[in-house]
C-alpha atoms as a PDB file:
ATOM      1  CA  MET A   1      -3.880 -59.817  31.200  1.00  0.00           C
ATOM      2  CA  SER A   2      -5.881 -56.778  32.441  1.00  0.00           C
ATOM      3  CA  GLU A   3      -9.328 -56.011  31.165  1.00  0.00           C
ATOM      4  CA  GLN A   4      -7.939 -52.874  29.466  1.00  0.00           C
ATOM      5  CA  GLU A   5      -5.452 -54.983  27.501  1.00  0.00           C
ATOM      6  CA  VAL A   6      -8.262 -57.417  26.574  1.00  0.00           C
ATOM      7  CA  VAL A   7     -10.411 -54.607  25.252  1.00  0.00           C
ATOM      8  CA  ALA A   8      -7.415 -53.173  23.325  1.00  0.00           C
ATOM      9  CA  GLY A   9      -6.719 -56.543  21.774  1.00  0.00           C
ATOM     10  CA  LEU A  10     -10.349 -56.913  20.674  1.00  0.00           C
ATOM     11  CA  ARG A  11     -10.277 -53.412  19.238  1.00  0.00           C
ATOM     12  CA  TRP A  12      -7.165 -54.176  17.236  1.00  0.00           C
ATOM     13  CA  ASN A  13      -8.677 -57.384  16.031  1.00  0.00           C
ATOM     14  CA  ASN A  14     -11.646 -55.471  14.635  1.00  0.00           C
ATOM     15  CA  TYR A  15      -9.358 -52.831  13.176  1.00  0.00           C
ATOM     16  CA  VAL A  16      -7.725 -55.578  11.124  1.00  0.00           C
ATOM     17  CA  SER A  17     -10.806 -57.662  10.351  1.00  0.00           C
ATOM     18  CA  VAL A  18     -12.797 -54.876   8.691  1.00  0.00           C
ATOM     19  CA  PRO A  19     -10.032 -53.869   6.182  1.00  0.00           C
ATOM     20  CA  VAL A  20      -9.326 -57.543   5.383  1.00  0.00           C
ATOM     21  CA  ILE A  21     -12.962 -58.245   4.491  1.00  0.00           C
ATOM     22  CA  THR A  22     -13.354 -54.912   2.646  1.00  0.00           C
ATOM     23  CA  LEU A  23     -10.179 -55.225   0.580  1.00  0.00           C
ATOM     24  CA  ILE A  24     -10.673 -58.838  -0.426  1.00  0.00           C
ATOM     25  CA  SER A  25     -14.336 -58.287  -1.337  1.00  0.00           C
ATOM     26  CA  TYR A  26     -13.554 -55.173  -3.382  1.00  0.00           C
ATOM     27  CA  GLU A  27     -10.685 -56.926  -5.190  1.00  0.00           C
ATOM     28  CA  TYR A  28     -12.978 -59.862  -5.969  1.00  0.00           C
ATOM     29  CA  LEU A  29     -15.626 -57.612  -7.541  1.00  0.00           C
ATOM     30  CA  LEU A  30     -13.016 -55.586  -9.357  1.00  0.00           C
ATOM     31  CA  LEU A  31     -11.605 -58.597 -11.248  1.00  0.00           C
ATOM     32  CA  LEU A  32     -14.869 -60.544 -11.673  1.00  0.00           C
ATOM     33  CA  ASP A  33     -15.583 -59.262 -15.223  1.00  0.00           C
ATOM     34  CA  LYS A  34     -12.059 -60.019 -16.478  1.00  0.00           C
ATOM     35  CA  GLU A  35     -12.204 -63.444 -14.807  1.00  0.00           C
ATOM     36  CA  VAL A  36     -15.387 -64.232 -16.757  1.00  0.00           C
ATOM     37  CA  LYS A  37     -13.792 -62.958 -19.945  1.00  0.00           C
ATOM     38  CA  TYR A  38     -10.366 -64.715 -19.621  1.00  0.00           C
ATOM     39  CA  VAL A  39     -11.288 -67.860 -17.672  1.00  0.00           C
ATOM     40  CA  TRP A  40     -14.903 -68.938 -17.910  1.00  0.00           C
ATOM     41  CA  ASN A  41     -15.303 -67.891 -21.589  1.00  0.00           C
ATOM     42  CA  ARG A  42     -12.014 -69.382 -22.798  1.00  0.00           C
ATOM     43  CA  PRO A  43     -10.685 -72.952 -23.317  1.00  0.00           C
ATOM     44  CA  TRP A  44      -9.426 -74.513 -20.076  1.00  0.00           C
ATOM     45  CA  SER A  45      -5.732 -74.610 -19.476  1.00  0.00           C
ATOM     46  CA  LEU A  46      -3.415 -75.408 -16.591  1.00  0.00           C
ATOM     47  CA  MET A  47      -2.866 -71.801 -15.848  1.00  0.00           C
ATOM     48  CA  SER A  48      -6.637 -71.062 -15.693  1.00  0.00           C
ATOM     49  CA  CYS A  49      -7.001 -73.935 -13.231  1.00  0.00           C
ATOM     50  CA  LEU A  50      -4.158 -72.575 -11.127  1.00  0.00           C
ATOM     51  CA  TYR A  51      -5.745 -69.133 -11.257  1.00  0.00           C
ATOM     52  CA  LEU A  52      -9.100 -70.461  -9.936  1.00  0.00           C
ATOM     53  CA  VAL A  53      -7.280 -72.204  -7.057  1.00  0.00           C
ATOM     54  CA  VAL A  54      -5.383 -69.122  -5.891  1.00  0.00           C
ATOM     55  CA  ARG A  55      -8.404 -66.886  -6.555  1.00  0.00           C
ATOM     56  CA  TYR A  56     -10.994 -68.817  -4.563  1.00  0.00           C
ATOM     57  CA  LEU A  57      -8.791 -70.487  -1.984  1.00  0.00           C
ATOM     58  CA  GLY A  58      -7.330 -67.062  -1.258  1.00  0.00           C
ATOM     59  CA  LEU A  59     -10.786 -65.565  -1.043  1.00  0.00           C
ATOM     60  CA  PHE A  60     -11.959 -68.282   1.339  1.00  0.00           C
ATOM     61  CA  LEU A  61      -8.848 -67.916   3.600  1.00  0.00           C
ATOM     62  CA  ALA A  62      -8.966 -64.121   3.665  1.00  0.00           C
ATOM     63  CA  LEU A  63     -12.675 -64.013   4.647  1.00  0.00           C
ATOM     64  CA  LEU A  64     -12.132 -66.759   7.217  1.00  0.00           C
ATOM     65  CA  CYS A  65      -9.226 -64.743   8.745  1.00  0.00           C
ATOM     66  CA  GLY A  66     -11.400 -61.593   8.687  1.00  0.00           C
ATOM     67  CA  PHE A  67     -14.378 -63.091  10.449  1.00  0.00           C
ATOM     68  CA  TRP A  68     -12.368 -65.163  12.971  1.00  0.00           C
ATOM     69  CA  GLY A  69     -11.381 -63.697  16.323  1.00  0.00           C
ATOM     70  CA  GLY A  70     -13.460 -60.869  17.702  1.00  0.00           C
ATOM     71  CA  LEU A  71     -15.643 -59.742  14.780  1.00  0.00           C
ATOM     72  CA  LEU A  72     -17.719 -62.896  15.118  1.00  0.00           C
ATOM     73  CA  TYR A  73     -17.468 -64.833  18.356  1.00  0.00           C
ATOM     74  CA  ILE A  74     -16.446 -68.450  17.746  1.00  0.00           C
ATOM     75  CA  PRO A  75     -15.921 -70.808  20.737  1.00  0.00           C
ATOM     76  CA  GLU A  76     -12.446 -72.024  21.544  1.00  0.00           C
ATOM     77  CA  SER A  77     -13.261 -75.641  20.642  1.00  0.00           C
ATOM     78  CA  VAL A  78     -14.204 -74.542  17.128  1.00  0.00           C
ATOM     79  CA  SER A  79     -11.655 -71.758  16.826  1.00  0.00           C
ATOM     80  CA  TYR A  80      -8.617 -74.088  17.164  1.00  0.00           C
ATOM     81  CA  GLY A  81      -9.744 -76.256  14.289  1.00  0.00           C
ATOM     82  CA  LEU A  82     -10.447 -73.168  12.146  1.00  0.00           C
ATOM     83  CA  VAL A  83      -6.976 -71.699  12.872  1.00  0.00           C
ATOM     84  CA  VAL A  84      -5.284 -75.010  11.999  1.00  0.00           C
ATOM     85  CA  LEU A  85      -7.334 -75.085   8.792  1.00  0.00           C
ATOM     86  CA  ILE A  86      -6.218 -71.536   7.986  1.00  0.00           C
ATOM     87  CA  GLU A  87      -2.533 -72.317   8.504  1.00  0.00           C
ATOM     88  CA  TRP A  88      -2.671 -75.439   6.411  1.00  0.00           C
ATOM     89  CA  GLY A  89      -4.606 -73.424   3.832  1.00  0.00           C
ATOM     90  CA  PHE A  90      -1.789 -70.852   3.745  1.00  0.00           C
ATOM     91  CA  SER A  91       0.674 -73.613   2.934  1.00  0.00           C
ATOM     92  CA  VAL A  92      -1.520 -75.025   0.169  1.00  0.00           C
ATOM     93  CA  TYR A  93      -1.950 -71.551  -1.287  1.00  0.00           C
ATOM     94  CA  PHE A  94       1.878 -71.031  -1.201  1.00  0.00           C
ATOM     95  CA  CYS A  95       2.436 -74.250  -3.072  1.00  0.00           C
ATOM     96  CA  PHE A  96      -0.015 -73.290  -5.832  1.00  0.00           C
ATOM     97  CA  ALA A  97       1.489 -69.795  -6.090  1.00  0.00           C
ATOM     98  CA  GLU A  98       4.927 -71.361  -6.476  1.00  0.00           C
ATOM     99  CA  ALA A  99       3.571 -73.712  -9.103  1.00  0.00           C
ATOM    100  CA  ILE A 100       2.428 -70.651 -11.089  1.00  0.00           C
ATOM    101  CA  LEU A 101       5.925 -69.175 -11.015  1.00  0.00           C
ATOM    102  CA  ILE A 102       7.385 -72.541 -12.103  1.00  0.00           C
ATOM    103  CA  TRP A 103       4.928 -72.769 -15.032  1.00  0.00           C
ATOM    104  CA  ARG A 104       5.690 -69.217 -16.099  1.00  0.00           C
ATOM    105  CA  LEU A 105       9.393 -69.904 -16.148  1.00  0.00           C
ATOM    106  CA  TYR A 106       8.739 -73.009 -18.190  1.00  0.00           C
ATOM    107  CA  ALA A 107       6.741 -70.879 -20.668  1.00  0.00           C
ATOM    108  CA  ILE A 108       9.338 -68.159 -21.155  1.00  0.00           C
ATOM    109  CA  CYS A 109      12.229 -70.677 -21.437  1.00  0.00           C
ATOM    110  CA  ASN A 110      10.823 -72.147 -24.709  1.00  0.00           C
ATOM    111  CA  GLN A 111       8.950 -74.770 -22.683  1.00  0.00           C
ATOM    112  CA  SER A 112      12.194 -76.469 -21.630  1.00  0.00           C
ATOM    113  CA  LYS A 113      11.357 -79.901 -20.123  1.00  0.00           C
ATOM    114  CA  LEU A 114      14.756 -80.044 -18.441  1.00  0.00           C
ATOM    115  CA  LEU A 115      14.106 -76.747 -16.594  1.00  0.00           C
ATOM    116  CA  LEU A 116      10.663 -77.888 -15.587  1.00  0.00           C
ATOM    117  CA  TYR A 117      11.892 -81.211 -14.216  1.00  0.00           C
ATOM    118  CA  VAL A 118      14.717 -79.430 -12.273  1.00  0.00           C
ATOM    119  CA  LEU A 119      12.421 -76.874 -10.717  1.00  0.00           C
ATOM    120  CA  VAL A 120       9.715 -79.435  -9.840  1.00  0.00           C
ATOM    121  CA  GLY A 121      12.344 -81.784  -8.353  1.00  0.00           C
ATOM    122  CA  LEU A 122      13.710 -79.005  -6.164  1.00  0.00           C
ATOM    123  CA  PHE A 123      10.189 -77.889  -5.259  1.00  0.00           C
ATOM    124  CA  LEU A 124       9.033 -81.257  -3.915  1.00  0.00           C
ATOM    125  CA  PRO A 125      11.307 -81.032  -0.775  1.00  0.00           C
ATOM    126  CA  ILE A 126       9.854 -77.543  -0.187  1.00  0.00           C
ATOM    127  CA  VAL A 127       6.348 -79.045  -0.255  1.00  0.00           C
ATOM    128  CA  ALA A 128       7.458 -81.781   2.225  1.00  0.00           C
ATOM    129  CA  LEU A 129       9.028 -79.091   4.432  1.00  0.00           C
ATOM    130  CA  SER A 130       5.758 -77.076   4.423  1.00  0.00           C
ATOM    131  CA  ILE A 131       3.796 -80.180   5.474  1.00  0.00           C
ATOM    132  CA  GLY A 132       6.287 -80.905   8.232  1.00  0.00           C
ATOM    133  CA  THR A 133       6.151 -77.298   9.414  1.00  0.00           C
ATOM    134  CA  ASP A 134       2.364 -77.340   9.621  1.00  0.00           C
ATOM    135  CA  ILE A 135       2.508 -80.573  11.611  1.00  0.00           C
ATOM    136  CA  TYR A 136       5.260 -79.385  14.014  1.00  0.00           C
ATOM    137  CA  LEU A 137       4.327 -75.791  14.519  1.00  0.00           C
ATOM    138  CA  TYR A 138       0.588 -75.528  13.898  1.00  0.00           C
ATOM    139  CA  SER A 139      -0.942 -78.885  14.689  1.00  0.00           C
ATOM    140  CA  ARG A 140       0.276 -79.326  18.297  1.00  0.00           C
ATOM    141  CA  ARG A 141      -1.480 -77.555  21.109  1.00  0.00           C
ATOM    142  CA  SER A 142       1.691 -77.464  23.185  1.00  0.00           C
ATOM    143  CA  VAL A 143       3.276 -75.246  20.543  1.00  0.00           C
ATOM    144  CA  PHE A 144       0.403 -73.349  18.999  1.00  0.00           C
ATOM    145  CA  SER A 145      -3.063 -72.908  20.559  1.00  0.00           C
ATOM    146  CA  VAL A 146      -6.083 -70.692  20.849  1.00  0.00           C
ATOM    147  CA  ILE A 147      -6.990 -68.864  24.050  1.00  0.00           C
ATOM    148  CA  GLU A 148     -10.564 -67.742  24.862  1.00  0.00           C
ATOM    149  CA  ILE A 149     -10.567 -64.500  26.772  1.00  0.00           C
ATOM    150  CA  ILE A 150     -13.735 -63.621  28.695  1.00  0.00           C
ATOM    151  CA  THR A 151     -14.394 -60.441  30.700  1.00  0.00           C
ATOM    152  CA  PRO A 152     -17.579 -58.661  31.589  1.00  0.00           C
ATOM    153  CA  ASN A 153     -17.195 -56.359  28.603  1.00  0.00           C
ATOM    154  CA  ALA A 154     -15.554 -58.548  25.994  1.00  0.00           C
ATOM    155  CA  LYS A 155     -15.247 -62.149  24.825  1.00  0.00           C
ATOM    156  CA  TYR A 156     -13.100 -63.316  21.949  1.00  0.00           C
ATOM    157  CA  CYS A 157     -10.425 -65.854  20.932  1.00  0.00           C
ATOM    158  CA  THR A 158      -6.781 -65.061  20.209  1.00  0.00           C
ATOM    159  CA  LEU A 159      -3.684 -66.955  19.157  1.00  0.00           C
ATOM    160  CA  SER A 160      -1.050 -68.230  21.567  1.00  0.00           C
ATOM    161  CA  PHE A 161       2.489 -68.891  20.300  1.00  0.00           C
ATOM    162  CA  ASN A 162       4.129 -71.049  22.928  1.00  0.00           C
ATOM    163  CA  ILE A 163       7.698 -71.303  21.605  1.00  0.00           C
ATOM    164  CA  GLY A 164      10.213 -68.774  20.272  1.00  0.00           C
ATOM    165  CA  PRO A 165      10.678 -67.789  16.641  1.00  0.00           C
ATOM    166  CA  MET A 166      13.762 -69.968  15.917  1.00  0.00           C
ATOM    167  CA  PRO A 167      11.878 -73.035  14.494  1.00  0.00           C
ATOM    168  CA  ALA A 168       9.942 -70.750  12.190  1.00  0.00           C
ATOM    169  CA  ILE A 169      13.149 -69.064  11.112  1.00  0.00           C
ATOM    170  CA  TYR A 170      14.836 -72.450  10.278  1.00  0.00           C
ATOM    171  CA  THR A 171      11.901 -73.663   8.250  1.00  0.00           C
ATOM    172  CA  SER A 172      11.569 -70.386   6.303  1.00  0.00           C
ATOM    173  CA  ILE A 173      15.208 -70.373   5.091  1.00  0.00           C
ATOM    174  CA  PRO A 174      14.810 -73.134   2.419  1.00  0.00           C
ATOM    175  CA  ILE A 175      11.631 -71.505   1.122  1.00  0.00           C
ATOM    176  CA  VAL A 176      13.362 -68.142   0.730  1.00  0.00           C
ATOM    177  CA  CYS A 177      16.345 -69.828  -0.940  1.00  0.00           C
ATOM    178  CA  TYR A 178      14.069 -71.522  -3.480  1.00  0.00           C
ATOM    179  CA  ASP A 179      12.373 -68.191  -4.268  1.00  0.00           C
ATOM    180  CA  ILE A 180      15.808 -66.680  -4.819  1.00  0.00           C
ATOM    181  CA  LEU A 181      16.599 -69.503  -7.208  1.00  0.00           C
ATOM    182  CA  LEU A 182      13.410 -68.757  -9.220  1.00  0.00           C
ATOM    183  CA  VAL A 183      14.267 -65.126  -9.407  1.00  0.00           C
ATOM    184  CA  VAL A 184      17.806 -65.903 -10.526  1.00  0.00           C
ATOM    185  CA  PHE A 185      16.455 -68.177 -13.279  1.00  0.00           C
ATOM    186  CA  ALA A 186      13.929 -65.546 -14.387  1.00  0.00           C
ATOM    187  CA  VAL A 187      16.504 -62.737 -14.492  1.00  0.00           C
ATOM    188  CA  ALA A 188      19.041 -64.976 -16.361  1.00  0.00           C
ATOM    189  CA  ILE A 189      16.404 -65.857 -18.973  1.00  0.00           C
ATOM    190  CA  LEU A 190      15.496 -62.207 -19.395  1.00  0.00           C
ATOM    191  CA  ALA A 191      19.149 -61.164 -19.656  1.00  0.00           C
ATOM    192  CA  ARG A 192      19.761 -63.703 -22.419  1.00  0.00           C
ATOM    193  CA  HIS A 193      16.597 -62.574 -24.175  1.00  0.00           C
ATOM    194  CA  LEU A 194      17.632 -58.863 -23.977  1.00  0.00           C
ATOM    195  CA  LYS A 195      21.050 -59.723 -25.347  1.00  0.00           C
ATOM    196  CA  GLU A 196      19.576 -61.608 -28.295  1.00  0.00           C
ATOM    197  CA  ARG A 197      17.083 -58.790 -29.063  1.00  0.00           C
ATOM    198  CA  LYS A 198      19.811 -56.193 -28.862  1.00  0.00           C
ATOM    199  CA  GLU A 199      21.902 -58.089 -31.418  1.00  0.00           C
ATOM    200  CA  ILE A 200      19.111 -57.931 -33.972  1.00  0.00           C
ATOM    201  CA  GLN A 201      18.017 -54.412 -32.902  1.00  0.00           C
ATOM    202  CA  VAL A 202      14.503 -55.459 -31.799  1.00  0.00           C
ATOM    203  CA  ARG A 203      12.873 -54.325 -28.567  1.00  0.00           C
ATOM    204  CA  ALA A 204      12.365 -56.858 -25.797  1.00  0.00           C
ATOM    205  CA  ASN A 205       9.298 -59.081 -25.681  1.00  0.00           C
ATOM    206  CA  THR A 206       6.671 -57.401 -23.524  1.00  0.00           C
ATOM    207  CA  TYR A 207       5.485 -60.551 -21.852  1.00  0.00           C
ATOM    208  CA  MET A 208       8.977 -61.766 -21.043  1.00  0.00           C
ATOM    209  CA  VAL A 209       9.675 -58.488 -19.188  1.00  0.00           C
ATOM    210  CA  MET A 210       6.268 -58.584 -17.414  1.00  0.00           C
ATOM    211  CA  ILE A 211       6.736 -62.148 -16.214  1.00  0.00           C
ATOM    212  CA  VAL A 212      10.201 -61.506 -14.858  1.00  0.00           C
ATOM    213  CA  ARG A 213       9.054 -58.285 -13.236  1.00  0.00           C
ATOM    214  CA  TYR A 214       6.233 -60.236 -11.501  1.00  0.00           C
ATOM    215  CA  HIS A 215       8.720 -62.883 -10.377  1.00  0.00           C
ATOM    216  CA  VAL A 216      10.793 -60.211  -8.615  1.00  0.00           C
ATOM    217  CA  LEU A 217       7.606 -58.655  -7.115  1.00  0.00           C
ATOM    218  CA  TYR A 218       6.385 -61.945  -5.853  1.00  0.00           C
ATOM    219  CA  PHE A 219       9.795 -62.726  -4.351  1.00  0.00           C
ATOM    220  CA  VAL A 220       9.671 -59.430  -2.403  1.00  0.00           C
ATOM    221  CA  LEU A 221       6.113 -60.245  -1.294  1.00  0.00           C
ATOM    222  CA  ASN A 222       6.965 -63.761  -0.144  1.00  0.00           C
ATOM    223  CA  LEU A 223      10.113 -62.586   1.587  1.00  0.00           C
ATOM    224  CA  THR A 224       8.049 -60.047   3.490  1.00  0.00           C
ATOM    225  CA  ASN A 225       5.415 -62.658   4.245  1.00  0.00           C
ATOM    226  CA  GLN A 226       8.001 -65.106   5.616  1.00  0.00           C
ATOM    227  CA  ILE A 227       9.547 -62.420   7.849  1.00  0.00           C
ATOM    228  CA  LEU A 228       6.130 -61.449   9.254  1.00  0.00           C
ATOM    229  CA  LEU A 229       5.252 -65.058   9.894  1.00  0.00           C
ATOM    230  CA  VAL A 230       8.435 -65.431  11.948  1.00  0.00           C
ATOM    231  CA  VAL A 231       7.683 -62.167  13.733  1.00  0.00           C
ATOM    232  CA  LEU A 232       4.293 -63.584  14.891  1.00  0.00           C
ATOM    233  CA  TRP A 233       6.135 -66.193  16.955  1.00  0.00           C
ATOM    234  CA  ALA A 234       8.091 -63.464  18.797  1.00  0.00           C
ATOM    235  CA  ASP A 235       6.634 -61.635  21.806  1.00  0.00           C
ATOM    236  CA  ILE A 236       5.591 -58.450  20.035  1.00  0.00           C
ATOM    237  CA  PRO A 237       3.022 -55.799  20.950  1.00  0.00           C
ATOM    238  CA  THR A 238      -0.559 -56.273  19.839  1.00  0.00           C
ATOM    239  CA  PRO A 239      -0.570 -53.445  17.282  1.00  0.00           C
ATOM    240  CA  ALA A 240       2.525 -54.832  15.519  1.00  0.00           C
ATOM    241  CA  MET A 241       1.016 -58.370  15.475  1.00  0.00           C
ATOM    242  CA  SER A 242      -2.268 -57.002  14.073  1.00  0.00           C
ATOM    243  CA  LEU A 243      -0.554 -55.101  11.255  1.00  0.00           C
ATOM    244  CA  SER A 244       1.501 -58.189  10.372  1.00  0.00           C
ATOM    245  CA  GLU A 245      -1.675 -60.259  10.254  1.00  0.00           C
ATOM    246  CA  LEU A 246      -3.298 -57.582   8.029  1.00  0.00           C
ATOM    247  CA  PHE A 247      -0.557 -57.880   5.455  1.00  0.00           C
ATOM    248  CA  ASN A 248      -0.433 -61.704   5.544  1.00  0.00           C
ATOM    249  CA  ASP A 249      -4.210 -61.952   5.252  1.00  0.00           C
ATOM    250  CA  THR A 250      -4.545 -59.681   2.202  1.00  0.00           C
ATOM    251  CA  ALA A 251      -1.447 -59.044   0.106  1.00  0.00           C
ATOM    252  CA  PRO A 252      -0.757 -62.646  -1.104  1.00  0.00           C
ATOM    253  CA  PHE A 253      -4.386 -63.286  -1.905  1.00  0.00           C
ATOM    254  CA  ILE A 254      -4.759 -60.055  -3.899  1.00  0.00           C
ATOM    255  CA  LEU A 255      -1.512 -60.064  -5.744  1.00  0.00           C
ATOM    256  CA  ALA A 256      -1.235 -63.596  -7.222  1.00  0.00           C
ATOM    257  CA  PRO A 257      -4.600 -63.584  -9.115  1.00  0.00           C
ATOM    258  CA  ARG A 258      -4.061 -59.978 -10.250  1.00  0.00           C
ATOM    259  CA  LEU A 259      -0.628 -60.743 -11.794  1.00  0.00           C
ATOM    260  CA  ILE A 260      -2.161 -63.579 -13.830  1.00  0.00           C
ATOM    261  CA  ILE A 261      -5.087 -61.521 -15.010  1.00  0.00           C
ATOM    262  CA  SER A 262      -2.792 -58.539 -15.946  1.00  0.00           C
ATOM    263  CA  ILE A 263      -0.800 -60.752 -18.331  1.00  0.00           C
ATOM    264  CA  TRP A 264      -3.961 -62.060 -19.988  1.00  0.00           C
ATOM    265  CA  ASP A 265      -5.402 -58.562 -20.214  1.00  0.00           C
ATOM    266  CA  THR A 266      -2.243 -57.201 -21.877  1.00  0.00           C
ATOM    267  CA  HIS A 267      -2.244 -60.100 -24.249  1.00  0.00           C
ATOM    268  CA  ALA A 268      -5.853 -59.489 -25.250  1.00  0.00           C
ATOM    269  CA  LYS A 269      -5.280 -55.715 -25.810  1.00  0.00           C
ATOM    270  CA  ASP A 270      -2.414 -56.589 -28.210  1.00  0.00           C
ATOM    271  CA  ASN A 271      -5.131 -57.967 -30.588  1.00  0.00           C
ATOM    272  CA  CYS A 272      -3.064 -61.158 -31.014  1.00  0.00           C
ATOM    273  CA  VAL A 273      -4.662 -63.489 -33.653  1.00  0.00           C
ATOM    274  CA  GLU A 274      -3.983 -66.416 -31.344  1.00  0.00           C
ATOM    275  CA  VAL A 275      -5.412 -64.737 -28.192  1.00  0.00           C
ATOM    276  CA  SER A 276      -7.912 -67.639 -27.782  1.00  0.00           C
ATOM    277  CA  THR A 277      -5.022 -70.138 -27.345  1.00  0.00           C
ATOM    278  CA  THR A 278      -3.481 -70.943 -23.996  1.00  0.00           C
ATOM    279  CA  PHE A 279      -0.967 -68.225 -23.243  1.00  0.00           C
ATOM    280  CA  GLN A 280       2.084 -70.475 -22.960  1.00  0.00           C
ATOM    281  CA  ASP A 281       1.418 -71.823 -26.457  1.00  0.00           C
ATOM    282  CA  CYS A 282       0.979 -68.434 -28.091  1.00  0.00           C
ATOM    283  CA  VAL A 283       3.649 -67.263 -30.514  1.00  0.00           C
ATOM    284  CA  CYS A 284       3.698 -63.839 -28.759  1.00  0.00           C
ATOM    285  CA  LEU A 285       5.786 -65.418 -26.011  1.00  0.00           C
ATOM    286  CA  THR A 286       8.536 -66.930 -28.166  1.00  0.00           C
ATOM    287  CA  PHE A 287       8.443 -65.106 -31.449  1.00  0.00           C
ATOM    288  CA  PRO A 288       8.360 -61.344 -32.312  1.00  0.00           C
ATOM    289  CA  PRO A 289       4.935 -59.906 -33.050  1.00  0.00           C
ATOM    290  CA  ARG A 290       4.207 -58.898 -36.666  1.00  0.00           C
ATOM    291  CA  PHE A 291       5.492 -55.311 -36.422  1.00  0.00           C
ATOM    292  CA  GLU A 292       8.729 -56.675 -34.864  1.00  0.00           C
ATOM    293  CA  GLN A 293       9.090 -59.164 -37.685  1.00  0.00           C
ATOM    294  CA  HIS A 294       8.737 -56.260 -40.155  1.00  0.00           C
ATOM    295  CA  GLU A 295      11.551 -54.439 -38.318  1.00  0.00           C
ATOM    296  CA  MET A 296      13.766 -57.505 -38.488  1.00  0.00           C
ATOM    297  CA  GLU A 297      13.082 -57.917 -42.253  1.00  0.00           C
ATOM    298  CA  SER A 298      13.978 -54.260 -42.771  1.00  0.00           C
ATOM    299  CA  ILE A 299      17.285 -54.735 -40.968  1.00  0.00           C
ATOM    300  CA  VAL A 300      18.069 -57.808 -43.053  1.00  0.00           C
ATOM    301  CA  VAL A 301      17.181 -56.039 -46.303  1.00  0.00           C
END
């Protein structure tokens, strides 16, 4: 690698690092007041715990990705351990994000225990696959390593992918298939809900539509993320790799907490009398609000 290529690689690293740190810091401050309102000042629930995990684990991973590389020089001996920590952290984050989707489906399906057991049972092999992938692809120096590049004008560490993209493709297929299953379940639940509401001439439940919309949005996000993770294992130009890393280091960590907060925020603005309860236990999710009940009574009368 020529010195010109080294300098170009360092420049692209900084081009990515600064936006990552800026975006994740701005997003954190933007949601902080709502986090205090809906998490710290409310009774604890499973969803609030899941929110805190994706919120602060995502913040930690994004900042670590932003500072690692060329923005701050970290020796190769330390960098390899940090990169392995980041990759394992991505997998942990993915598992918690999927758990949020599972819990949302459980909530909108009248808290069906059968659905919850089926989804969790199918998810456990995905967790095992993620662990195996991290061991096989990211925890062996012969497959994945860190290279320290030193020239008279630049010194930084960069990633080295030593095998082709096929193993990453094979391991991503079950994950994508599981996300497709979650989307199909969510759309089917919404379709049944819309049919039932149409029969009694009542508009669809706002939260049901929001949750399903977010399921579809997260599916698109995760599909894009999986594709870009596979692309990183291919021999692609530095600008393309840097842009892929920019997306992977920001979008998942910004979107997941924001989707949770947006549902809580909408719920609070509806002035629900049970807004202090955990969201999955609120009647807003399973029964029509008061004005809808009035409409139904008018139809019956």
